[in-house]
Amino acid sequence: MKTNYILAAAWGVLYVLTAVWTFLLQKAGVGATLIVVNNLMPVLMGIFTGWFEKWYPARLARGSKKQ
């Protein structure tokens, strides 16, 4: 259950940061780079989500002391 909250927060942070860097990069005049960055970040976050969903429950099942 914690996994859902952690991933939801991570995706939320990504979308807030996307709005911030989109605003800043548009002011700087780098629109072409913005298209690449804004399409690449959700792909990377999707890869992270897939990895995290496998890693985090396994870590809890091992009973890791660092929680």
PDB file of N, CA and C in Angstrom:
ATOM      1  N   MET A   1       0.816  -1.191   0.000  1.00  0.00           N
ATOM      2  CA  MET A   1       0.000   0.000   0.000  1.00  0.00           C
ATOM      3  C   MET A   1       0.862   1.258   0.000  1.00  0.00           C
ATOM      4  N   LYS A   2       1.969   1.231   0.733  1.00  0.00           N
ATOM      5  CA  LYS A   2       2.871   2.374   0.749  1.00  0.00           C
ATOM      6  C   LYS A   2       3.424   2.657  -0.643  1.00  0.00           C
ATOM      7  N   THR A   3       3.594   1.595  -1.411  1.00  0.00           N
ATOM      8  CA  THR A   3       4.143   1.742  -2.758  1.00  0.00           C
ATOM      9  C   THR A   3       3.286   2.684  -3.585  1.00  0.00           C
ATOM     10  N   ASN A   4       1.967   2.564  -3.485  1.00  0.00           N
ATOM     11  CA  ASN A   4       1.073   3.430  -4.254  1.00  0.00           C
ATOM     12  C   ASN A   4       1.237   4.897  -3.873  1.00  0.00           C
ATOM     13  N   TYR A   5       1.363   5.175  -2.582  1.00  0.00           N
ATOM     14  CA  TYR A   5       1.513   6.553  -2.127  1.00  0.00           C
ATOM     15  C   TYR A   5       2.861   7.130  -2.559  1.00  0.00           C
ATOM     16  N   ILE A   6       3.896   6.332  -2.453  1.00  0.00           N
ATOM     17  CA  ILE A   6       5.226   6.791  -2.843  1.00  0.00           C
ATOM     18  C   ILE A   6       5.262   7.112  -4.331  1.00  0.00           C
ATOM     19  N   LEU A   7       4.723   6.220  -5.141  1.00  0.00           N
ATOM     20  CA  LEU A   7       4.730   6.446  -6.591  1.00  0.00           C
ATOM     21  C   LEU A   7       3.817   7.603  -6.983  1.00  0.00           C
ATOM     22  N   ALA A   8       2.677   7.732  -6.334  1.00  0.00           N
ATOM     23  CA  ALA A   8       1.783   8.858  -6.630  1.00  0.00           C
ATOM     24  C   ALA A   8       2.467  10.182  -6.304  1.00  0.00           C
ATOM     25  N   ALA A   9       3.174  10.223  -5.189  1.00  0.00           N
ATOM     26  CA  ALA A   9       3.904  11.439  -4.819  1.00  0.00           C
ATOM     27  C   ALA A   9       5.021  11.729  -5.822  1.00  0.00           C
ATOM     28  N   ALA A  10       5.734  10.688  -6.238  1.00  0.00           N
ATOM     29  CA  ALA A  10       6.823  10.871  -7.208  1.00  0.00           C
ATOM     30  C   ALA A  10       6.296  11.399  -8.538  1.00  0.00           C
ATOM     31  N   TRP A  11       5.178  10.838  -9.016  1.00  0.00           N
ATOM     32  CA  TRP A  11       4.581  11.319 -10.267  1.00  0.00           C
ATOM     33  C   TRP A  11       4.086  12.751 -10.096  1.00  0.00           C
ATOM     34  N   GLY A  12       3.504  13.061  -8.961  1.00  0.00           N
ATOM     35  CA  GLY A  12       3.039  14.422  -8.700  1.00  0.00           C
ATOM     36  C   GLY A  12       4.173  15.429  -8.726  1.00  0.00           C
ATOM     37  N   VAL A  13       5.273  15.070  -8.085  1.00  0.00           N
ATOM     38  CA  VAL A  13       6.457  15.935  -8.087  1.00  0.00           C
ATOM     39  C   VAL A  13       6.970  16.124  -9.515  1.00  0.00           C
ATOM     40  N   LEU A  14       6.991  15.039 -10.284  1.00  0.00           N
ATOM     41  CA  LEU A  14       7.444  15.138 -11.676  1.00  0.00           C
ATOM     42  C   LEU A  14       6.600  16.147 -12.453  1.00  0.00           C
ATOM     43  N   TYR A  15       5.289  16.082 -12.307  1.00  0.00           N
ATOM     44  CA  TYR A  15       4.433  16.979 -13.080  1.00  0.00           C
ATOM     45  C   TYR A  15       4.522  18.418 -12.602  1.00  0.00           C
ATOM     46  N   VAL A  16       4.742  18.640 -11.316  1.00  0.00           N
ATOM     47  CA  VAL A  16       4.963  20.001 -10.833  1.00  0.00           C
ATOM     48  C   VAL A  16       6.286  20.535 -11.381  1.00  0.00           C
ATOM     49  N   LEU A  17       7.334  19.714 -11.311  1.00  0.00           N
ATOM     50  CA  LEU A  17       8.627  20.139 -11.851  1.00  0.00           C
ATOM     51  C   LEU A  17       8.561  20.366 -13.356  1.00  0.00           C
ATOM     52  N   THR A  18       7.777  19.555 -14.054  1.00  0.00           N
ATOM     53  CA  THR A  18       7.615  19.736 -15.496  1.00  0.00           C
ATOM     54  C   THR A  18       7.023  21.112 -15.794  1.00  0.00           C
ATOM     55  N   ALA A  19       6.033  21.517 -15.024  1.00  0.00           N
ATOM     56  CA  ALA A  19       5.442  22.842 -15.224  1.00  0.00           C
ATOM     57  C   ALA A  19       6.467  23.942 -14.966  1.00  0.00           C
ATOM     58  N   VAL A  20       7.277  23.768 -13.930  1.00  0.00           N
ATOM     59  CA  VAL A  20       8.282  24.781 -13.583  1.00  0.00           C
ATOM     60  C   VAL A  20       9.343  24.878 -14.675  1.00  0.00           C
ATOM     61  N   TRP A  21       9.937  23.727 -15.053  1.00  0.00           N
ATOM     62  CA  TRP A  21      11.000  23.832 -16.050  1.00  0.00           C
ATOM     63  C   TRP A  21      10.467  24.192 -17.431  1.00  0.00           C
ATOM     64  N   THR A  22       9.219  23.870 -17.725  1.00  0.00           N
ATOM     65  CA  THR A  22       8.628  24.301 -18.990  1.00  0.00           C
ATOM     66  C   THR A  22       8.528  25.824 -19.022  1.00  0.00           C
ATOM     67  N   PHE A  23       8.056  26.402 -17.948  1.00  0.00           N
ATOM     68  CA  PHE A  23       7.962  27.855 -17.861  1.00  0.00           C
ATOM     69  C   PHE A  23       9.338  28.505 -18.012  1.00  0.00           C
ATOM     70  N   LEU A  24      10.315  27.992 -17.280  1.00  0.00           N
ATOM     71  CA  LEU A  24      11.655  28.590 -17.310  1.00  0.00           C
ATOM     72  C   LEU A  24      12.344  28.412 -18.659  1.00  0.00           C
ATOM     73  N   LEU A  25      12.216  27.234 -19.238  1.00  0.00           N
ATOM     74  CA  LEU A  25      12.865  26.994 -20.525  1.00  0.00           C
ATOM     75  C   LEU A  25      12.189  27.756 -21.661  1.00  0.00           C
ATOM     76  N   GLN A  26      10.889  27.955 -21.572  1.00  0.00           N
ATOM     77  CA  GLN A  26      10.209  28.761 -22.585  1.00  0.00           C
ATOM     78  C   GLN A  26      10.684  30.208 -22.524  1.00  0.00           C
ATOM     79  N   LYS A  27      10.882  30.710 -21.332  1.00  0.00           N
ATOM     80  CA  LYS A  27      11.404  32.074 -21.185  1.00  0.00           C
ATOM     81  C   LYS A  27      12.823  32.173 -21.726  1.00  0.00           C
ATOM     82  N   ALA A  28      13.592  31.079 -21.611  1.00  0.00           N
ATOM     83  CA  ALA A  28      14.975  31.070 -22.100  1.00  0.00           C
ATOM     84  C   ALA A  28      15.041  30.862 -23.615  1.00  0.00           C
ATOM     85  N   GLY A  29      13.924  30.446 -24.221  1.00  0.00           N
ATOM     86  CA  GLY A  29      13.875  30.293 -25.671  1.00  0.00           C
ATOM     87  C   GLY A  29      14.411  28.974 -26.197  1.00  0.00           C
ATOM     88  N   VAL A  30      14.296  27.918 -25.435  1.00  0.00           N
ATOM     89  CA  VAL A  30      14.762  26.604 -25.896  1.00  0.00           C
ATOM     90  C   VAL A  30      13.574  25.658 -26.073  1.00  0.00           C
ATOM     91  N   GLY A  31      12.703  25.996 -27.001  1.00  0.00           N
ATOM     92  CA  GLY A  31      11.478  25.233 -27.219  1.00  0.00           C
ATOM     93  C   GLY A  31      11.710  23.835 -27.753  1.00  0.00           C
ATOM     94  N   ALA A  32      12.690  23.656 -28.636  1.00  0.00           N
ATOM     95  CA  ALA A  32      12.956  22.336 -29.214  1.00  0.00           C
ATOM     96  C   ALA A  32      13.443  21.360 -28.150  1.00  0.00           C
ATOM     97  N   THR A  33      14.287  21.822 -27.272  1.00  0.00           N
ATOM     98  CA  THR A  33      14.780  20.988 -26.178  1.00  0.00           C
ATOM     99  C   THR A  33      13.637  20.611 -25.251  1.00  0.00           C
ATOM    100  N   LEU A  34      12.723  21.530 -25.079  1.00  0.00           N
ATOM    101  CA  LEU A  34      11.584  21.320 -24.193  1.00  0.00           C
ATOM    102  C   LEU A  34      10.726  20.149 -24.646  1.00  0.00           C
ATOM    103  N   ILE A  35      10.529  20.002 -25.934  1.00  0.00           N
ATOM    104  CA  ILE A  35       9.741  18.891 -26.463  1.00  0.00           C
ATOM    105  C   ILE A  35      10.386  17.565 -26.104  1.00  0.00           C
ATOM    106  N   VAL A  36      11.688  17.473 -26.286  1.00  0.00           N
ATOM    107  CA  VAL A  36      12.416  16.239 -25.987  1.00  0.00           C
ATOM    108  C   VAL A  36      12.362  15.938 -24.492  1.00  0.00           C
ATOM    109  N   VAL A  37      12.651  16.927 -23.672  1.00  0.00           N
ATOM    110  CA  VAL A  37      12.677  16.735 -22.214  1.00  0.00           C
ATOM    111  C   VAL A  37      11.297  16.344 -21.689  1.00  0.00           C
ATOM    112  N   ASN A  38      10.266  17.045 -22.134  1.00  0.00           N
ATOM    113  CA  ASN A  38       8.922  16.773 -21.631  1.00  0.00           C
ATOM    114  C   ASN A  38       8.362  15.435 -22.102  1.00  0.00           C
ATOM    115  N   ASN A  39       8.891  14.883 -23.164  1.00  0.00           N
ATOM    116  CA  ASN A  39       8.479  13.542 -23.593  1.00  0.00           C
ATOM    117  C   ASN A  39       9.353  12.451 -22.989  1.00  0.00           C
ATOM    118  N   LEU A  40      10.586  12.767 -22.692  1.00  0.00           N
ATOM    119  CA  LEU A  40      11.512  11.778 -22.151  1.00  0.00           C
ATOM    120  C   LEU A  40      11.294  11.525 -20.657  1.00  0.00           C
ATOM    121  N   MET A  41      10.971  12.555 -19.903  1.00  0.00           N
ATOM    122  CA  MET A  41      10.848  12.398 -18.446  1.00  0.00           C
ATOM    123  C   MET A  41       9.744  11.419 -18.027  1.00  0.00           C
ATOM    124  N   PRO A  42       8.544  11.459 -18.615  1.00  0.00           N
ATOM    125  CA  PRO A  42       7.544  10.456 -18.224  1.00  0.00           C
ATOM    126  C   PRO A  42       7.950   9.032 -18.599  1.00  0.00           C
ATOM    127  N   VAL A  43       8.698   8.892 -19.685  1.00  0.00           N
ATOM    128  CA  VAL A  43       9.198   7.561 -20.067  1.00  0.00           C
ATOM    129  C   VAL A  43      10.169   7.056 -19.004  1.00  0.00           C
ATOM    130  N   LEU A  44      11.090   7.919 -18.588  1.00  0.00           N
ATOM    131  CA  LEU A  44      12.048   7.524 -17.544  1.00  0.00           C
ATOM    132  C   LEU A  44      11.336   7.248 -16.218  1.00  0.00           C
ATOM    133  N   MET A  45      10.329   8.049 -15.909  1.00  0.00           N
ATOM    134  CA  MET A  45       9.567   7.826 -14.677  1.00  0.00           C
ATOM    135  C   MET A  45       8.788   6.514 -14.754  1.00  0.00           C
ATOM    136  N   GLY A  46       8.298   6.161 -15.931  1.00  0.00           N
ATOM    137  CA  GLY A  46       7.616   4.880 -16.112  1.00  0.00           C
ATOM    138  C   GLY A  46       8.560   3.711 -15.882  1.00  0.00           C
ATOM    139  N   ILE A  47       9.785   3.836 -16.368  1.00  0.00           N
ATOM    140  CA  ILE A  47      10.799   2.797 -16.128  1.00  0.00           C
ATOM    141  C   ILE A  47      11.098   2.702 -14.639  1.00  0.00           C
ATOM    142  N   PHE A  48      11.241   3.853 -13.981  1.00  0.00           N
ATOM    143  CA  PHE A  48      11.476   3.867 -12.536  1.00  0.00           C
ATOM    144  C   PHE A  48      10.307   3.222 -11.792  1.00  0.00           C
ATOM    145  N   THR A  49       9.078   3.518 -12.216  1.00  0.00           N
ATOM    146  CA  THR A  49       7.886   2.947 -11.574  1.00  0.00           C
ATOM    147  C   THR A  49       7.905   1.426 -11.654  1.00  0.00           C
ATOM    148  N   GLY A  50       8.210   0.893 -12.830  1.00  0.00           N
ATOM    149  CA  GLY A  50       8.289  -0.559 -12.996  1.00  0.00           C
ATOM    150  C   GLY A  50       9.339  -1.180 -12.093  1.00  0.00           C
ATOM    151  N   TRP A  51      10.502  -0.543 -12.016  1.00  0.00           N
ATOM    152  CA  TRP A  51      11.573  -1.049 -11.159  1.00  0.00           C
ATOM    153  C   TRP A  51      11.174  -0.955  -9.689  1.00  0.00           C
ATOM    154  N   PHE A  52      10.606   0.178  -9.284  1.00  0.00           N
ATOM    155  CA  PHE A  52      10.268   0.413  -7.878  1.00  0.00           C
ATOM    156  C   PHE A  52       9.199  -0.548  -7.388  1.00  0.00           C
ATOM    157  N   GLU A  53       8.216  -0.858  -8.245  1.00  0.00           N
ATOM    158  CA  GLU A  53       7.154  -1.781  -7.847  1.00  0.00           C
ATOM    159  C   GLU A  53       7.687  -3.177  -7.557  1.00  0.00           C
ATOM    160  N   LYS A  54       8.794  -3.543  -8.159  1.00  0.00           N
ATOM    161  CA  LYS A  54       9.408  -4.846  -7.889  1.00  0.00           C
ATOM    162  C   LYS A  54      10.372  -4.759  -6.708  1.00  0.00           C
ATOM    163  N   TRP A  55      11.110  -3.679  -6.605  1.00  0.00           N
ATOM    164  CA  TRP A  55      12.156  -3.547  -5.595  1.00  0.00           C
ATOM    165  C   TRP A  55      11.590  -3.305  -4.194  1.00  0.00           C
ATOM    166  N   TYR A  56      10.662  -2.376  -4.052  1.00  0.00           N
ATOM    167  CA  TYR A  56      10.206  -1.970  -2.723  1.00  0.00           C
ATOM    168  C   TYR A  56       9.505  -3.089  -1.955  1.00  0.00           C
ATOM    169  N   PRO A  57       8.542  -3.814  -2.549  1.00  0.00           N
ATOM    170  CA  PRO A  57       7.922  -4.909  -1.786  1.00  0.00           C
ATOM    171  C   PRO A  57       8.929  -6.005  -1.410  1.00  0.00           C
ATOM    172  N   ALA A  58       9.898  -6.253  -2.277  1.00  0.00           N
ATOM    173  CA  ALA A  58      10.916  -7.255  -1.963  1.00  0.00           C
ATOM    174  C   ALA A  58      11.759  -6.793  -0.776  1.00  0.00           C
ATOM    175  N   ARG A  59      12.042  -5.509  -0.707  1.00  0.00           N
ATOM    176  CA  ARG A  59      12.813  -4.961   0.408  1.00  0.00           C
ATOM    177  C   ARG A  59      12.036  -5.117   1.713  1.00  0.00           C
ATOM    178  N   LEU A  60      10.735  -4.846   1.674  1.00  0.00           N
ATOM    179  CA  LEU A  60       9.911  -5.017   2.875  1.00  0.00           C
ATOM    180  C   LEU A  60       9.820  -6.478   3.280  1.00  0.00           C
ATOM    181  N   ALA A  61       9.724  -7.384   2.318  1.00  0.00           N
ATOM    182  CA  ALA A  61       9.622  -8.818   2.606  1.00  0.00           C
ATOM    183  C   ALA A  61      10.895  -9.347   3.257  1.00  0.00           C
ATOM    184  N   ARG A  62      12.043  -8.759   2.882  1.00  0.00           N
ATOM    185  CA  ARG A  62      13.321  -9.170   3.497  1.00  0.00           C
ATOM    186  C   ARG A  62      13.423  -8.706   4.933  1.00  0.00           C
ATOM    187  N   GLY A  63      12.602  -7.717   5.300  1.00  0.00           N
ATOM    188  CA  GLY A  63      12.659  -7.203   6.672  1.00  0.00           C
ATOM    189  C   GLY A  63      13.846  -6.300   6.887  1.00  0.00           C
ATOM    190  N   SER A  64      14.146  -5.488   5.889  1.00  0.00           N
ATOM    191  CA  SER A  64      15.269  -4.560   5.987  1.00  0.00           C
ATOM    192  C   SER A  64      15.111  -3.664   7.207  1.00  0.00           C
ATOM    193  N   LYS A  65      16.187  -3.464   7.939  1.00  0.00           N
ATOM    194  CA  LYS A  65      16.136  -2.685   9.176  1.00  0.00           C
ATOM    195  C   LYS A  65      16.116  -1.186   8.911  1.00  0.00           C
ATOM    196  N   LYS A  66      16.485  -0.756   7.725  1.00  0.00           N
ATOM    197  CA  LYS A  66      16.505   0.680   7.383  1.00  0.00           C
ATOM    198  C   LYS A  66      15.171   1.062   6.761  1.00  0.00           C
ATOM    199  N   GLN A  67      14.190   1.352   7.573  1.00  0.00           N
ATOM    200  CA  GLN A  67      12.870   1.753   7.051  1.00  0.00           C
ATOM    201  C   GLN A  67      12.467   3.064   7.598  1.00  0.00           C
TER     202      GLN A  67
END
